[in-house]
Amino acid sequence: MMMMMMMMMMMMMLMMVMMMMMMMMMMMMMMMMMMMTGVQIAITHFK
């Protein structure tokens, strides 16, 4: 019983870490997209 609980806890921790990584990746992607759009807008404005 104890081993099962430990395994479950480990799995949960792994899932949480994976979710955090995914969130970070998504945030980075969004930032990159925003920066790209911003640069494009600036270029169009100054041209």
PDB file of N, CA and C in Angstrom:
ATOM      1  N   MET A   1       0.843  -1.208   0.000  1.00  0.00           N
ATOM      2  CA  MET A   1       0.000   0.000   0.000  1.00  0.00           C
ATOM      3  C   MET A   1       0.881   1.262   0.000  1.00  0.00           C
ATOM      4  N   MET A   2       1.875   1.266   0.857  1.00  0.00           N
ATOM      5  CA  MET A   2       2.722   2.461   0.959  1.00  0.00           C
ATOM      6  C   MET A   2       3.447   2.702  -0.372  1.00  0.00           C
ATOM      7  N   MET A   3       3.933   1.634  -0.968  1.00  0.00           N
ATOM      8  CA  MET A   3       4.668   1.763  -2.234  1.00  0.00           C
ATOM      9  C   MET A   3       3.757   2.391  -3.291  1.00  0.00           C
ATOM     10  N   MET A   4       2.509   1.945  -3.339  1.00  0.00           N
ATOM     11  CA  MET A   4       1.555   2.469  -4.327  1.00  0.00           C
ATOM     12  C   MET A   4       1.400   3.976  -4.124  1.00  0.00           C
ATOM     13  N   MET A   5       1.256   4.368  -2.863  1.00  0.00           N
ATOM     14  CA  MET A   5       1.064   5.794  -2.559  1.00  0.00           C
ATOM     15  C   MET A   5       2.293   6.576  -3.035  1.00  0.00           C
ATOM     16  N   MET A   6       3.469   6.049  -2.741  1.00  0.00           N
ATOM     17  CA  MET A   6       4.707   6.728  -3.123  1.00  0.00           C
ATOM     18  C   MET A   6       4.760   6.866  -4.649  1.00  0.00           C
ATOM     19  N   MET A   7       4.413   5.786  -5.343  1.00  0.00           N
ATOM     20  CA  MET A   7       4.445   5.801  -6.809  1.00  0.00           C
ATOM     21  C   MET A   7       3.481   6.871  -7.322  1.00  0.00           C
ATOM     22  N   MET A   8       2.291   6.921  -6.731  1.00  0.00           N
ATOM     23  CA  MET A   8       1.285   7.893  -7.164  1.00  0.00           C
ATOM     24  C   MET A   8       1.824   9.308  -6.959  1.00  0.00           C
ATOM     25  N   MET A   9       2.443   9.538  -5.798  1.00  0.00           N
ATOM     26  CA  MET A   9       2.973  10.868  -5.493  1.00  0.00           C
ATOM     27  C   MET A   9       4.037  11.239  -6.527  1.00  0.00           C
ATOM     28  N   MET A  10       4.915  10.298  -6.832  1.00  0.00           N
ATOM     29  CA  MET A  10       5.988  10.555  -7.794  1.00  0.00           C
ATOM     30  C   MET A  10       5.377  10.904  -9.156  1.00  0.00           C
ATOM     31  N   MET A  11       4.361  10.137  -9.558  1.00  0.00           N
ATOM     32  CA  MET A  11       3.710  10.375 -10.847  1.00  0.00           C
ATOM     33  C   MET A  11       3.099  11.774 -10.865  1.00  0.00           C
ATOM     34  N   MET A  12       2.446  12.138  -9.764  1.00  0.00           N
ATOM     35  CA  MET A  12       1.800  13.451  -9.687  1.00  0.00           C
ATOM     36  C   MET A  12       2.859  14.547  -9.826  1.00  0.00           C
ATOM     37  N   MET A  13       3.984  14.378  -9.126  1.00  0.00           N
ATOM     38  CA  MET A  13       5.047  15.381  -9.175  1.00  0.00           C
ATOM     39  C   MET A  13       5.558  15.506 -10.615  1.00  0.00           C
ATOM     40  N   LEU A  14       5.758  14.372 -11.266  1.00  0.00           N
ATOM     41  CA  LEU A  14       6.248  14.377 -12.653  1.00  0.00           C
ATOM     42  C   LEU A  14       5.263  15.122 -13.542  1.00  0.00           C
ATOM     43  N   MET A  15       3.973  14.828 -13.356  1.00  0.00           N
ATOM     44  CA  MET A  15       2.937  15.468 -14.172  1.00  0.00           C
ATOM     45  C   MET A  15       2.983  16.977 -13.956  1.00  0.00           C
ATOM     46  N   MET A  16       3.116  17.381 -12.684  1.00  0.00           N
ATOM     47  CA  MET A  16       3.137  18.813 -12.363  1.00  0.00           C
ATOM     48  C   MET A  16       4.330  19.475 -13.063  1.00  0.00           C
ATOM     49  N   VAL A  17       5.488  18.844 -12.972  1.00  0.00           N
ATOM     50  CA  VAL A  17       6.694  19.403 -13.598  1.00  0.00           C
ATOM     51  C   VAL A  17       6.481  19.532 -15.105  1.00  0.00           C
ATOM     52  N   MET A  18       5.913  18.479 -15.711  1.00  0.00           N
ATOM     53  CA  MET A  18       5.684  18.486 -17.159  1.00  0.00           C
ATOM     54  C   MET A  18       4.750  19.641 -17.523  1.00  0.00           C
ATOM     55  N   MET A  19       3.684  19.809 -16.715  1.00  0.00           N
ATOM     56  CA  MET A  19       2.713  20.871 -16.980  1.00  0.00           C
ATOM     57  C   MET A  19       3.415  22.228 -16.891  1.00  0.00           C
ATOM     58  N   MET A  20       4.254  22.395 -15.864  1.00  0.00           N
ATOM     59  CA  MET A  20       4.964  23.664 -15.675  1.00  0.00           C
ATOM     60  C   MET A  20       5.832  23.944 -16.900  1.00  0.00           C
ATOM     61  N   MET A  21       6.559  22.915 -17.356  1.00  0.00           N
ATOM     62  CA  MET A  21       7.438  23.074 -18.519  1.00  0.00           C
ATOM     63  C   MET A  21       6.610  23.502 -19.730  1.00  0.00           C
ATOM     64  N   MET A  22       5.460  22.829 -19.912  1.00  0.00           N
ATOM     65  CA  MET A  22       4.599  23.137 -21.058  1.00  0.00           C
ATOM     66  C   MET A  22       4.148  24.590 -20.977  1.00  0.00           C
ATOM     67  N   MET A  23       3.742  25.016 -19.767  1.00  0.00           N
ATOM     68  CA  MET A  23       3.262  26.390 -19.583  1.00  0.00           C
ATOM     69  C   MET A  23       4.386  27.371 -19.943  1.00  0.00           C
ATOM     70  N   MET A  24       5.597  27.082 -19.461  1.00  0.00           N
ATOM     71  CA  MET A  24       6.729  27.969 -19.723  1.00  0.00           C
ATOM     72  C   MET A  24       6.968  28.061 -21.232  1.00  0.00           C
ATOM     73  N   MET A  25       6.923  26.903 -21.906  1.00  0.00           N
ATOM     74  CA  MET A  25       7.149  26.879 -23.350  1.00  0.00           C
ATOM     75  C   MET A  25       6.090  27.728 -24.055  1.00  0.00           C
ATOM     76  N   MET A  26       4.821  27.568 -23.620  1.00  0.00           N
ATOM     77  CA  MET A  26       3.725  28.316 -24.241  1.00  0.00           C
ATOM     78  C   MET A  26       3.958  29.814 -24.044  1.00  0.00           C
ATOM     79  N   MET A  27       4.343  30.198 -22.823  1.00  0.00           N
ATOM     80  CA  MET A  27       4.575  31.615 -22.524  1.00  0.00           C
ATOM     81  C   MET A  27       5.684  32.149 -23.435  1.00  0.00           C
ATOM     82  N   MET A  28       6.767  31.384 -23.560  1.00  0.00           N
ATOM     83  CA  MET A  28       7.893  31.805 -24.398  1.00  0.00           C
ATOM     84  C   MET A  28       7.416  32.006 -25.838  1.00  0.00           C
ATOM     85  N   MET A  29       6.618  31.043 -26.320  1.00  0.00           N
ATOM     86  CA  MET A  29       6.125  31.126 -27.698  1.00  0.00           C
ATOM     87  C   MET A  29       5.296  32.394 -27.873  1.00  0.00           C
ATOM     88  N   MET A  30       4.414  32.657 -26.893  1.00  0.00           N
ATOM     89  CA  MET A  30       3.546  33.835 -26.976  1.00  0.00           C
ATOM     90  C   MET A  30       4.410  35.101 -27.009  1.00  0.00           C
ATOM     91  N   MET A  31       5.421  35.154 -26.144  1.00  0.00           N
ATOM     92  CA  MET A  31       6.300  36.323 -26.085  1.00  0.00           C
ATOM     93  C   MET A  31       6.980  36.524 -27.441  1.00  0.00           C
ATOM     94  N   MET A  32       7.487  35.418 -28.007  1.00  0.00           N
ATOM     95  CA  MET A  32       8.175  35.501 -29.298  1.00  0.00           C
ATOM     96  C   MET A  32       7.217  36.048 -30.356  1.00  0.00           C
ATOM     97  N   MET A  33       5.986  35.516 -30.363  1.00  0.00           N
ATOM     98  CA  MET A  33       4.996  35.957 -31.351  1.00  0.00           C
ATOM     99  C   MET A  33       4.742  37.450 -31.182  1.00  0.00           C
ATOM    100  N   MET A  34       4.547  37.871 -29.941  1.00  0.00           N
ATOM    101  CA  MET A  34       4.271  39.285 -29.669  1.00  0.00           C
ATOM    102  C   MET A  34       5.432  40.149 -30.152  1.00  0.00           C
ATOM    103  N   MET A  35       6.646  39.723 -29.842  1.00  0.00           N
ATOM    104  CA  MET A  35       7.832  40.484 -30.256  1.00  0.00           C
ATOM    105  C   MET A  35       7.888  40.580 -31.778  1.00  0.00           C
ATOM    106  N   MET A  36       7.648  39.441 -32.443  1.00  0.00           N
ATOM    107  CA  MET A  36       7.688  39.424 -33.913  1.00  0.00           C
ATOM    108  C   MET A  36       6.664  40.400 -34.478  1.00  0.00           C
ATOM    109  N   THR A  37       5.432  40.333 -33.961  1.00  0.00           N
ATOM    110  CA  THR A  37       4.378  41.228 -34.464  1.00  0.00           C
ATOM    111  C   THR A  37       4.773  42.678 -34.199  1.00  0.00           C
ATOM    112  N   GLY A  38       5.316  42.926 -33.017  1.00  0.00           N
ATOM    113  CA  GLY A  38       5.719  44.289 -32.657  1.00  0.00           C
ATOM    114  C   GLY A  38       6.769  44.810 -33.624  1.00  0.00           C
ATOM    115  N   VAL A  39       7.749  43.983 -33.917  1.00  0.00           N
ATOM    116  CA  VAL A  39       8.821  44.386 -34.849  1.00  0.00           C
ATOM    117  C   VAL A  39       8.224  44.679 -36.219  1.00  0.00           C
ATOM    118  N   GLN A  40       7.329  43.791 -36.657  1.00  0.00           N
ATOM    119  CA  GLN A  40       6.706  43.977 -37.977  1.00  0.00           C
ATOM    120  C   GLN A  40       5.944  45.294 -38.024  1.00  0.00           C
ATOM    121  N   ILE A  41       5.172  45.543 -36.972  1.00  0.00           N
ATOM    122  CA  ILE A  41       4.383  46.790 -36.922  1.00  0.00           C
ATOM    123  C   ILE A  41       5.328  47.997 -36.970  1.00  0.00           C
ATOM    124  N   ALA A  42       6.401  47.936 -36.182  1.00  0.00           N
ATOM    125  CA  ALA A  42       7.362  49.050 -36.148  1.00  0.00           C
ATOM    126  C   ALA A  42       7.952  49.272 -37.542  1.00  0.00           C
ATOM    127  N   ILE A  43       8.332  48.197 -38.199  1.00  0.00           N
ATOM    128  CA  ILE A  43       8.927  48.321 -39.543  1.00  0.00           C
ATOM    129  C   ILE A  43       7.917  48.979 -40.488  1.00  0.00           C
ATOM    130  N   THR A  44       6.670  48.482 -40.447  1.00  0.00           N
ATOM    131  CA  THR A  44       5.648  49.032 -41.352  1.00  0.00           C
ATOM    132  C   THR A  44       5.420  50.509 -41.039  1.00  0.00           C
ATOM    133  N   HIS A  45       5.463  50.848 -39.771  1.00  0.00           N
ATOM    134  CA  HIS A  45       5.203  52.245 -39.381  1.00  0.00           C
ATOM    135  C   HIS A  45       6.307  53.176 -39.868  1.00  0.00           C
ATOM    136  N   PHE A  46       7.570  52.741 -39.683  1.00  0.00           N
ATOM    137  CA  PHE A  46       8.690  53.619 -40.043  1.00  0.00           C
ATOM    138  C   PHE A  46       8.978  53.660 -41.545  1.00  0.00           C
ATOM    139  N   LYS A  47       8.334  52.757 -42.292  1.00  0.00           N
ATOM    140  CA  LYS A  47       8.592  52.738 -43.754  1.00  0.00           C
ATOM    141  C   LYS A  47       7.692  53.677 -44.490  1.00  0.00           C
TER     142      LYS A  47
END
